[in-house]
Protein backbone atom coordinates (compact mmCIF):
# COMPACT_ATOMS: atom_id res chain seq x y z
CA MET A 1 96.12 90.78 53.53
CA ALA A 2 96.24 93.48 50.89
CA ASP A 3 97.10 92.48 47.30
CA GLN A 4 99.30 94.44 44.91
CA GLU A 5 97.48 95.55 41.78
CA ALA A 6 98.64 94.27 38.39
CA PRO A 7 100.45 97.19 36.69
CA ALA A 8 99.84 96.12 33.08
CA PRO A 9 97.37 98.70 31.61
CA SER A 10 95.90 96.26 29.11
CA GLN A 11 95.06 93.57 31.69
CA PRO A 12 91.97 93.49 33.90
CA GLN A 13 92.23 93.95 37.63
CA ALA A 14 90.96 91.19 39.90
CA ALA A 15 88.00 91.69 42.27
CA PRO A 16 87.99 90.79 46.00
CA ALA A 17 88.32 87.06 46.54
CA GLU A 18 85.65 84.74 47.79
CA ALA A 19 86.13 83.17 51.19
CA ASP A 20 85.97 79.39 51.52
CA PRO A 21 82.62 78.41 53.06
CA ALA A 22 83.14 76.77 56.42
CA PRO A 23 81.30 76.67 59.77
CA ASP A 24 82.59 79.03 62.43
CA PRO A 25 81.49 79.03 66.05
CA ALA A 26 82.02 82.80 66.25
CA PRO A 27 79.92 84.84 63.80
CA ASP A 28 81.91 87.16 61.62
CA PRO A 29 80.42 89.06 58.71
CA GLN A 30 83.83 89.44 56.97
CA PRO A 31 85.01 86.44 54.82
CA GLN A 32 88.43 84.92 55.53
CA PRO A 33 90.71 84.36 52.42
CA PRO A 34 91.62 80.74 51.69
CA ALA A 35 95.36 81.51 51.84
CA ALA A 36 95.04 82.66 55.46
CA ALA A 37 93.06 79.56 56.36
CA ALA A 38 95.83 77.38 54.91
CA ALA A 39 98.58 79.29 56.72
CA ALA A 40 97.22 79.21 60.27
CA ALA A 41 97.74 75.72 61.70
CA GLU A 42 94.83 74.45 63.83
CA ALA A 43 93.11 77.85 63.29
CA GLN A 44 89.31 78.13 63.06
CA PRO A 45 88.04 78.20 59.46
CA ALA A 46 86.53 81.36 57.96
CA PRO A 47 82.75 81.93 58.24
CA SER A 48 80.51 80.54 55.60
CA GLY A 49 78.66 82.68 53.13
CA PRO A 50 80.98 83.68 50.31
CA GLU A 51 80.64 87.16 49.04
CA GLU A 52 81.65 88.22 45.56
CA ALA A 53 82.26 91.89 44.87
CA GLU A 54 80.79 93.26 41.71
CA ALA A 55 83.46 94.03 39.13
CA PRO A 56 83.62 95.17 35.54
CA PRO A 57 83.37 92.15 33.27
CA ALA A 58 86.68 92.92 31.53
CA ALA A 59 88.86 94.00 34.50
CA PRO A 60 88.08 92.71 38.02
CA PRO A 61 89.95 94.67 40.69
CA ALA A 62 92.77 92.93 42.56
CA PRO A 63 91.57 91.33 45.80
CA LYS A 64 92.38 93.12 49.03
CA LYS A 65 93.31 91.28 52.20
CA LYS A 66 94.24 92.58 55.60
CA SER A 67 97.48 91.32 57.06
CA LYS A 68 97.40 90.36 60.69
CA GLU A 69 99.67 92.06 63.15
CA GLY A 70 103.23 90.74 62.96
CA ALA A 71 102.83 89.46 59.38
CA PRO A 72 106.04 88.78 57.41
CA GLY A 73 107.16 90.68 54.34
CA ALA A 74 105.83 89.84 50.88
CA PRO A 75 107.83 87.61 48.48
CA VAL A 76 109.88 89.48 45.90
CA ASN A 77 110.82 88.97 42.25
CA LEU A 78 107.83 86.76 41.48
CA LYS A 79 107.99 85.54 37.89
CA MET A 80 106.78 82.76 35.65
CA ASP A 81 109.53 80.22 34.92
CA ASP A 82 107.65 77.90 32.55
CA VAL A 83 104.16 77.20 31.16
CA ASN A 84 102.61 74.39 29.14
CA ASN A 85 99.14 73.03 28.36
CA ASP A 86 98.24 72.09 31.96
CA SER A 87 100.74 73.69 34.36
CA VAL A 88 102.51 76.92 35.26
CA THR A 89 105.89 77.02 37.05
CA LEU A 90 106.60 79.99 39.34
CA THR A 91 109.75 81.20 41.08
CA TRP A 92 110.35 83.99 43.56
CA ASP A 93 112.74 85.18 46.27
CA ALA A 94 112.19 85.13 50.01
CA PRO A 95 111.05 88.41 51.59
CA GLU A 96 113.63 90.63 53.23
CA ASN A 97 111.71 90.62 56.54
CA VAL A 98 111.30 87.02 57.73
CA GLY A 99 111.98 87.56 61.45
CA PRO A 100 114.27 85.56 63.75
CA SER A 101 112.14 82.41 63.64
CA GLY A 102 111.76 82.36 59.85
CA LEU A 103 108.69 81.66 57.75
CA ASP A 104 106.17 78.86 57.95
CA GLY A 105 105.97 78.89 54.17
CA TYR A 106 104.12 80.35 51.21
CA VAL A 107 100.63 80.07 49.73
CA VAL A 108 99.87 80.31 46.01
CA GLU A 109 96.51 81.42 44.62
CA TYR A 110 95.14 81.99 41.15
CA CYS A 111 91.92 83.10 39.48
CA LYS A 112 90.68 83.18 35.91
CA ASP A 113 90.78 86.49 34.08
CA GLY A 114 87.36 88.18 34.28
CA THR A 115 86.35 86.35 37.50
CA THR A 116 86.85 86.89 41.22
CA ASP A 117 87.17 83.24 42.22
CA TRP A 118 90.63 82.98 43.81
CA VAL A 119 91.65 79.33 44.21
CA ALA A 120 94.35 78.09 46.62
CA ALA A 121 96.87 76.01 44.66
CA ASN A 122 98.38 74.42 47.81
CA ASN A 123 96.56 73.15 50.88
CA LYS A 124 99.40 73.78 53.31
CA PRO A 125 102.21 76.37 53.34
CA PHE A 126 105.52 75.18 51.86
CA LEU A 127 109.05 76.62 52.16
CA SER A 128 110.32 76.20 48.59
CA THR A 129 110.60 79.32 46.42
CA ARG A 130 109.52 77.36 43.34
CA TYR A 131 106.08 75.94 42.72
CA VAL A 132 104.25 74.20 39.86
CA ILE A 133 100.49 74.77 39.56
CA ARG A 134 99.20 71.62 37.90
CA ASN A 135 95.95 70.31 36.38
CA LEU A 136 95.09 73.59 34.67
CA THR A 137 92.87 73.98 31.62
CA SER A 138 94.56 74.85 28.36
CA GLY A 139 93.51 78.25 27.06
CA ASP A 140 92.70 79.79 30.47
CA LYS A 141 94.19 83.16 31.32
CA LEU A 142 95.10 83.28 35.03
CA HIS A 143 96.03 85.95 37.56
CA ILE A 144 98.51 84.49 40.08
CA ARG A 145 99.71 85.72 43.48
CA VAL A 146 101.99 84.38 46.24
CA ALA A 147 101.94 85.37 49.95
CA SER A 148 104.24 84.60 52.90
CA VAL A 149 102.88 82.88 56.03
CA LYS A 150 104.22 83.06 59.55
CA GLY A 151 102.06 81.82 62.42
CA ASP A 152 98.71 83.56 62.15
CA GLY A 153 100.20 86.35 60.04
CA ILE A 154 100.02 86.47 56.26
CA SER A 155 101.79 89.05 54.11
CA ASP A 156 100.56 91.20 51.30
CA PRO A 157 100.77 89.06 48.17
CA ALA A 158 103.24 89.38 45.33
CA VAL A 159 101.21 89.43 42.10
CA LEU A 160 102.37 88.57 38.58
CA GLU A 161 102.31 91.73 36.51
CA GLN A 162 100.62 90.02 33.54
CA PRO A 163 98.02 87.26 33.50
CA VAL A 164 99.36 83.92 32.27
CA LEU A 165 97.83 82.17 29.26
CA VAL A 166 97.89 78.42 29.89
CA ARG A 167 99.19 76.90 26.69
CA GLU A 168 102.28 75.18 25.36
CA ILE A 169 104.87 77.66 24.07
CA LEU A 170 106.46 76.47 20.87
CA GLU A 171 110.25 76.57 21.08
CA HIS A 172 112.36 75.45 18.14
CA PRO A 173 114.56 72.44 18.97
CA LYS A 174 118.26 73.15 19.49
CA ILE A 175 121.04 70.68 20.37
CA ARG A 176 123.80 72.16 22.54
CA LEU A 177 126.67 69.91 21.54
CA PRO A 178 129.69 70.28 23.89
CA ARG A 179 132.80 71.74 22.29
CA HIS A 180 134.97 68.63 22.74
CA LEU A 181 132.44 66.56 20.74
CA ARG A 182 132.43 68.87 17.72
CA GLU A 183 135.68 67.37 16.45
CA LEU A 184 136.94 63.79 16.34
CA TYR A 185 136.10 62.15 19.69
CA MET A 186 138.66 59.44 20.50
CA LYS A 187 138.44 56.68 23.13
CA ILE A 188 140.66 53.69 23.91
CA VAL A 189 139.39 50.13 23.52
CA GLY A 190 137.72 49.01 26.77
CA GLU A 191 136.98 52.51 28.07
CA VAL A 192 133.48 53.70 28.95
CA VAL A 193 131.79 56.19 26.62
CA ASN A 194 129.34 58.29 28.65
CA LEU A 195 128.07 61.44 26.92
CA MET A 196 125.33 63.81 28.04
CA ILE A 197 123.99 65.97 25.19
CA PRO A 198 121.70 68.81 26.36
CA PHE A 199 118.99 70.20 24.08
CA ARG A 200 116.04 72.59 24.15
CA GLY A 201 112.59 72.59 22.60
CA LYS A 202 108.86 72.79 23.41
CA PRO A 203 106.80 70.75 23.45
CA LYS A 204 109.07 67.89 24.48
CA PRO A 205 111.07 66.91 21.37
CA GLN A 206 111.35 63.39 20.08
CA VAL A 207 114.99 62.21 20.22
CA THR A 208 116.42 59.61 17.85
CA TRP A 209 119.97 58.26 17.35
CA THR A 210 121.54 56.56 14.34
CA LYS A 211 124.99 55.18 13.53
CA ASP A 212 126.20 55.65 9.97
CA GLY A 213 122.56 56.08 8.94
CA GLN A 214 121.38 52.85 10.67
CA PRO A 215 119.51 52.36 13.98
CA LEU A 216 121.66 51.75 17.07
CA ASP A 217 122.37 48.25 18.30
CA PRO A 218 120.76 48.14 21.77
CA LYS A 219 123.24 45.43 22.79
CA ARG A 220 126.12 47.86 22.29
CA VAL A 221 124.68 51.33 22.97
CA SER A 222 122.27 52.54 25.65
CA VAL A 223 120.39 55.82 25.23
CA ARG A 224 118.31 57.53 27.93
CA ASN A 225 116.34 60.66 27.07
CA SER A 226 114.84 63.27 29.37
CA GLU A 227 113.08 66.56 28.68
CA LYS A 228 116.38 68.46 28.52
CA ASP A 229 119.16 66.02 27.62
CA SER A 230 120.05 62.68 26.09
CA ILE A 231 122.60 60.30 27.65
CA PHE A 232 124.65 58.14 25.28
CA PHE A 233 126.40 55.20 26.99
CA ILE A 234 128.72 52.37 25.87
CA ARG A 235 130.01 50.21 28.72
CA GLY A 236 133.20 48.89 27.04
CA ALA A 237 134.08 50.50 23.73
CA GLN A 238 135.32 48.32 20.89
CA ARG A 239 136.80 49.25 17.52
CA ALA A 240 133.54 48.22 15.86
CA ASP A 241 131.80 51.03 17.79
CA SER A 242 133.68 53.63 15.74
CA GLY A 243 131.56 55.65 13.35
CA LYS A 244 129.39 58.73 12.88
CA TYR A 245 126.56 58.94 15.39
CA GLU A 246 123.75 61.34 14.47
CA MET A 247 121.39 62.73 17.12
CA THR A 248 118.08 64.23 15.93
CA VAL A 249 115.55 66.19 18.03
CA LYS A 250 112.20 66.75 16.30
CA ILE A 251 108.98 68.62 17.19
CA LEU A 252 105.66 68.19 15.38
CA ASP A 253 107.37 66.33 12.50
CA GLU A 254 108.37 69.71 11.08
CA LEU A 255 110.98 71.33 13.31
CA GLU A 256 114.21 69.46 13.97
CA ASP A 257 117.89 69.88 14.78
CA LYS A 258 120.74 67.44 14.21
CA ALA A 259 124.23 66.91 15.60
CA ILE A 260 126.93 64.46 14.53
CA ILE A 261 129.47 62.86 16.88
CA ASN A 262 132.43 61.24 15.12
CA LEU A 263 133.54 58.50 17.54
CA GLN A 264 136.84 56.69 16.97
CA VAL A 265 137.82 53.81 19.26
CA VAL A 266 141.56 53.12 19.07
CA GLU A 267 144.18 50.79 20.54
CA LYS A 268 147.94 50.44 20.35
CA PRO A 269 149.33 49.60 16.91
CA GLY A 270 151.21 46.50 15.86
CA PRO A 271 155.02 46.46 15.47
CA PRO A 272 156.72 47.59 12.23
CA GLU A 273 157.36 44.96 9.58
CA ASN A 274 160.60 43.76 7.92
CA LEU A 275 163.16 45.69 9.97
CA LYS A 276 166.50 45.34 8.17
CA LEU A 277 170.11 46.37 8.86
CA LEU A 278 171.12 47.77 5.48
CA ASP A 279 174.69 48.96 5.94
CA VAL A 280 177.44 49.62 8.46
CA TRP A 281 180.24 52.11 7.79
CA GLY A 282 182.52 53.94 10.15
CA PHE A 283 180.48 54.58 13.28
CA ASN A 284 177.15 54.69 11.34
CA VAL A 285 174.36 52.17 10.71
CA ALA A 286 171.50 52.37 8.13
CA LEU A 287 168.10 50.83 9.05
CA GLU A 288 164.91 50.28 7.03
CA TRP A 289 161.43 48.88 7.85
CA SER A 290 157.78 48.80 6.67
CA PRO A 291 154.66 50.23 8.37
CA PRO A 292 152.73 47.87 10.71
CA LYS A 293 149.85 45.77 9.37
CA ASP A 294 147.55 47.05 12.17
CA ASN A 295 147.66 50.78 12.91
CA GLY A 296 145.29 50.44 15.89
CA ASN A 297 142.41 52.15 14.04
CA ALA A 298 144.26 55.49 14.18
CA GLU A 299 146.76 57.39 12.10
CA LEU A 300 150.38 56.68 13.07
CA LYS A 301 152.24 59.46 14.84
CA GLY A 302 155.66 58.05 13.98
CA TYR A 303 158.26 55.54 15.15
CA THR A 304 160.67 55.22 18.08
CA VAL A 305 164.14 53.81 17.28
CA GLN A 306 166.35 52.35 20.04
CA LYS A 307 169.85 50.84 20.21
CA ALA A 308 171.53 48.47 22.67
CA ASP A 309 175.22 47.75 23.21
CA MET A 310 175.58 43.96 23.31
CA LYS A 311 177.94 44.29 26.28
CA THR A 312 175.38 45.95 28.57
CA LYS A 313 172.20 45.00 26.66
CA GLN A 314 170.54 48.22 27.85
CA TRP A 315 168.24 49.98 25.39
CA PHE A 316 168.59 53.69 24.68
CA THR A 317 166.25 55.80 22.53
CA VAL A 318 167.87 57.24 19.41
CA LEU A 319 164.85 58.76 17.62
CA GLU A 320 161.30 59.64 18.77
CA HIS A 321 158.20 60.54 16.73
CA TYR A 322 160.20 59.73 13.58
CA ASN A 323 157.94 59.80 10.51
CA ARG A 324 160.04 57.98 7.89
CA THR A 325 160.58 54.23 7.43
CA SER A 326 164.38 54.45 7.15
CA CYS A 327 167.03 56.15 9.24
CA THR A 328 170.76 56.42 9.96
CA VAL A 329 172.05 55.86 13.51
CA SER A 330 175.36 57.65 14.13
CA ASP A 331 177.85 58.26 16.94
CA LEU A 332 178.33 54.56 17.68
CA ILE A 333 181.42 53.48 19.59
CA ILE A 334 184.10 51.88 17.47
CA GLY A 335 184.83 48.32 18.53
CA ASN A 336 181.35 47.69 20.04
CA THR A 337 178.50 45.56 18.70
CA TYR A 338 174.92 46.87 18.57
CA SER A 339 171.36 45.61 18.14
CA PHE A 340 168.41 47.81 17.10
CA ARG A 341 164.63 47.81 17.53
CA VAL A 342 161.74 50.02 16.34
CA PHE A 343 158.30 50.73 17.91
CA SER A 344 155.20 52.03 16.11
CA GLU A 345 153.27 54.90 17.74
CA ASN A 346 149.69 56.23 17.43
CA PRO A 347 147.56 58.46 19.72
CA CYS A 348 147.09 55.46 22.03
CA GLY A 349 150.86 55.02 22.59
CA LEU A 350 153.73 52.78 21.50
CA SER A 351 153.16 49.29 20.14
CA GLU A 352 153.20 46.49 22.69
CA LYS A 353 156.10 44.76 20.91
CA PRO A 354 158.94 46.20 18.81
CA ALA A 355 160.52 44.98 15.61
CA VAL A 356 164.10 43.80 16.35
CA THR A 357 166.95 43.42 13.86
CA LYS A 358 167.99 39.84 13.22
CA ASP A 359 171.63 40.83 12.62
CA VAL A 360 173.88 42.86 14.83
CA ALA A 361 176.12 45.71 13.73
CA GLN A 362 179.80 45.50 14.65
CA ILE A 363 181.63 48.79 14.52
CA LYS A 364 185.12 47.74 13.43
CA LYS A 365 188.29 49.59 14.24
CA SER A 366 190.11 51.08 11.34
CA VAL A 367 193.83 50.27 11.01
CA THR A 368 196.01 53.35 11.37
CA VAL A 369 199.78 53.65 11.08
CA CYS A 370 201.45 56.26 13.21
CA LYS A 371 204.79 57.57 12.00
CA SER A 372 206.86 59.15 14.70
CA GLN A 373 208.47 62.48 13.96
CA LYS A 374 211.60 63.93 15.39
CA TYR A 375 210.88 66.29 18.20
CA SER A 376 213.26 69.09 19.02
CA SER A 377 212.90 70.06 22.63
CA ARG A 378 213.09 73.66 23.67
CA ASP A 379 214.96 74.96 26.68
CA PHE A 380 212.56 76.90 28.88
CA SER A 381 215.08 77.54 31.66
CA GLU A 382 215.23 81.12 32.91
CA PRO A 383 216.26 82.89 36.13
CA PRO A 384 213.60 84.29 38.50
CA LYS A 385 211.96 87.55 37.49
CA PHE A 386 209.26 89.46 39.40
CA THR A 387 206.42 90.46 37.09
CA GLN A 388 204.50 92.23 39.87
CA PRO A 389 206.50 93.98 42.65
CA LEU A 390 205.51 94.57 46.25
CA THR A 391 203.87 97.89 47.12
CA ASP A 392 204.18 99.90 50.32
CA ARG A 393 201.20 99.44 52.65
CA THR A 394 199.79 101.15 55.72
CA THR A 395 197.50 99.24 58.04
CA THR A 396 195.90 99.64 61.44
CA ARG A 397 196.95 97.72 64.51
CA GLY A 398 194.90 94.56 64.97
CA TYR A 399 193.73 94.35 61.34
CA SER A 400 195.34 91.57 59.30
CA THR A 401 197.01 92.61 56.06
CA GLN A 402 198.54 90.85 53.07
CA LEU A 403 201.59 91.53 50.90
CA VAL A 404 201.33 90.19 47.30
CA CYS A 405 203.73 89.93 44.35
CA SER A 406 204.24 87.59 41.39
CA VAL A 407 207.35 85.90 40.02
CA ARG A 408 208.23 83.74 37.01
CA GLY A 409 211.16 81.43 36.29
CA PHE A 410 211.98 77.84 35.33
CA PRO A 411 212.44 75.67 37.17
CA MET A 412 210.00 77.15 39.68
CA PRO A 413 212.05 79.35 42.03
CA LYS A 414 212.08 78.98 45.79
CA VAL A 415 210.45 81.96 47.54
CA ILE A 416 211.92 83.38 50.77
CA TRP A 417 210.25 86.16 52.85
CA MET A 418 212.37 88.47 55.02
CA LYS A 419 211.68 91.29 57.44
CA ASN A 420 214.38 93.91 57.85
CA GLN A 421 216.79 91.51 56.02
CA MET A 422 215.96 88.72 58.53
CA GLU A 423 214.40 85.55 57.08
CA ILE A 424 210.90 84.87 58.39
CA ARG A 425 210.84 81.28 59.50
CA GLU A 426 208.05 79.28 61.12
CA ASN A 427 206.09 81.97 62.93
CA PRO A 428 202.32 81.68 63.53
CA LYS A 429 201.94 85.42 62.94
CA TYR A 430 202.92 84.98 59.29
CA LEU A 431 201.32 82.80 56.58
CA ALA A 432 203.27 82.55 53.29
CA ILE A 433 201.59 80.99 50.21
CA THR A 434 202.93 80.58 46.67
CA ASN A 435 200.48 79.44 43.93
CA GLN A 436 201.21 79.49 40.19
CA GLY A 437 203.84 82.17 40.64
CA VAL A 438 201.69 84.41 42.89
CA CYS A 439 203.44 84.97 46.26
CA SER A 440 201.51 86.27 49.27
CA LEU A 441 202.44 86.91 52.87
CA GLU A 442 199.62 87.38 55.39
CA ILE A 443 200.48 89.26 58.60
CA ARG A 444 197.92 88.43 61.25
CA LYS A 445 196.78 91.20 63.59
CA PRO A 446 199.94 93.30 63.26
CA SER A 447 201.23 95.63 65.96
CA PRO A 448 203.53 98.66 65.51
CA PHE A 449 206.44 96.27 66.14
CA ASP A 450 205.53 94.42 62.90
CA GLY A 451 206.17 97.51 60.79
CA GLY A 452 209.35 97.67 58.71
CA VAL A 453 210.80 96.63 55.33
CA TYR A 454 209.62 93.31 53.93
CA THR A 455 211.50 91.51 51.15
CA CYS A 456 210.37 88.68 48.85
CA LYS A 457 213.35 86.78 47.41
CA ALA A 458 213.11 84.16 44.61
CA VAL A 459 216.00 81.73 43.92
CA ASN A 460 216.49 78.96 41.34
CA PRO A 461 219.63 77.35 39.81
CA PHE A 462 219.85 80.08 37.18
CA GLY A 463 219.76 83.12 39.45
CA GLU A 464 217.81 85.07 42.02
CA ALA A 465 215.66 88.23 42.30
CA SER A 466 214.01 90.19 45.10
CA VAL A 467 211.47 92.99 45.68
CA ASP A 468 210.93 95.18 48.77
CA CYS A 469 208.11 97.14 50.34
CA LYS A 470 207.56 99.13 53.50
CA LEU A 471 204.79 98.28 55.98
CA ASN A 472 203.55 100.97 58.35
CA VAL A 473 201.31 99.96 61.28
CA THR A 474 199.33 102.86 62.81
CA VAL A 475 197.70 103.03 66.22
CA PRO A 476 194.15 104.49 66.19
CA GLU A 477 193.61 107.41 68.60
């Protein structure tokens, strides 16, 4: 298996690796790399007699290994994910060429800068693309490589471009407070409060919580801290749990970050006090009340005023989200009797019980005297008169047509239709309709025989009038 060389110009290059000493029934002068021995299951170990190539003290060349025939591709995008005083975390991506049967896994090796002793970090191949090399010595500078294993084949290794210095990286603490917790955080009495607050910092920060500057009561609040977040938990919130909770993450007693969560536990308010019916006039009623004694640990959003007719005793809302403590209810029905009630409202909802007026409001009828006046009737009688005459029409055989005119007169005149001066009586071919003075005669599917002069005659006791038109029925060629 051939190794890639580290490209960083300022870093030394590793020398060829030592082979693990082991007995071998077949003599072989070439040493076998430990990664290959770990990859091949039930394979014979490499021959004993480790050989160490001579290398410059400052920059040992990268070890070279020969890949067996049919070896998989090398891992890609190898990088260091994390480092501390005794471990290094690596991540990489699977090779593009893994074959139809997939990989058996990966092997990880490392050696100290300035040496050629490559050490296998894992005894057996593994399939994860993330690995933590543990039990390292703080201050060591390590070259690290990862190779793919498939059967007896092992790929060229992927090598970290820069050697890794094993030490804890100092990272200033930072609390990542979620956006919804940056303002007033409100919960209802009895609900669960379960908050996860992520943070960053290296080495692992010390996390502390206080409420209004005092330590938390472990009987009320549970806190569980990990390396990356803190979980704040209250099983059943009570109004006494309201307050300012301060979270502090500290490193080395010098670096710290703080975040404040303003928790408010609320419940429904009490009913308004001293609801009174002040006055009744016309169809209006004046009401007045006082704010509730208990606002539910939250600012009131207003009041809801309702009325009920004593006949039906059904409640109807008159005002919602009303912010004053007095109001006028109008548009009441004269002669009816009403009762009124008022609810308080906060972010948790309306109060469980309303305040109800002790007295009822009776909307009395006012006495009115009607003086009759002499009425002079007007005579609207007039003889029939056509305001819209008939017009001559031409239609095609088989296509229904309609003759329309309009007439006025009082009393309403009787309308008579005639064809060629002959009255049209009950005939299914004709349909005569008179509506609000509009007279129409529908001729259904006319034939040339139906052509001629049509007359509409209107008669009432004061006279008569008539209009004529000519209908022509054509035969299509």
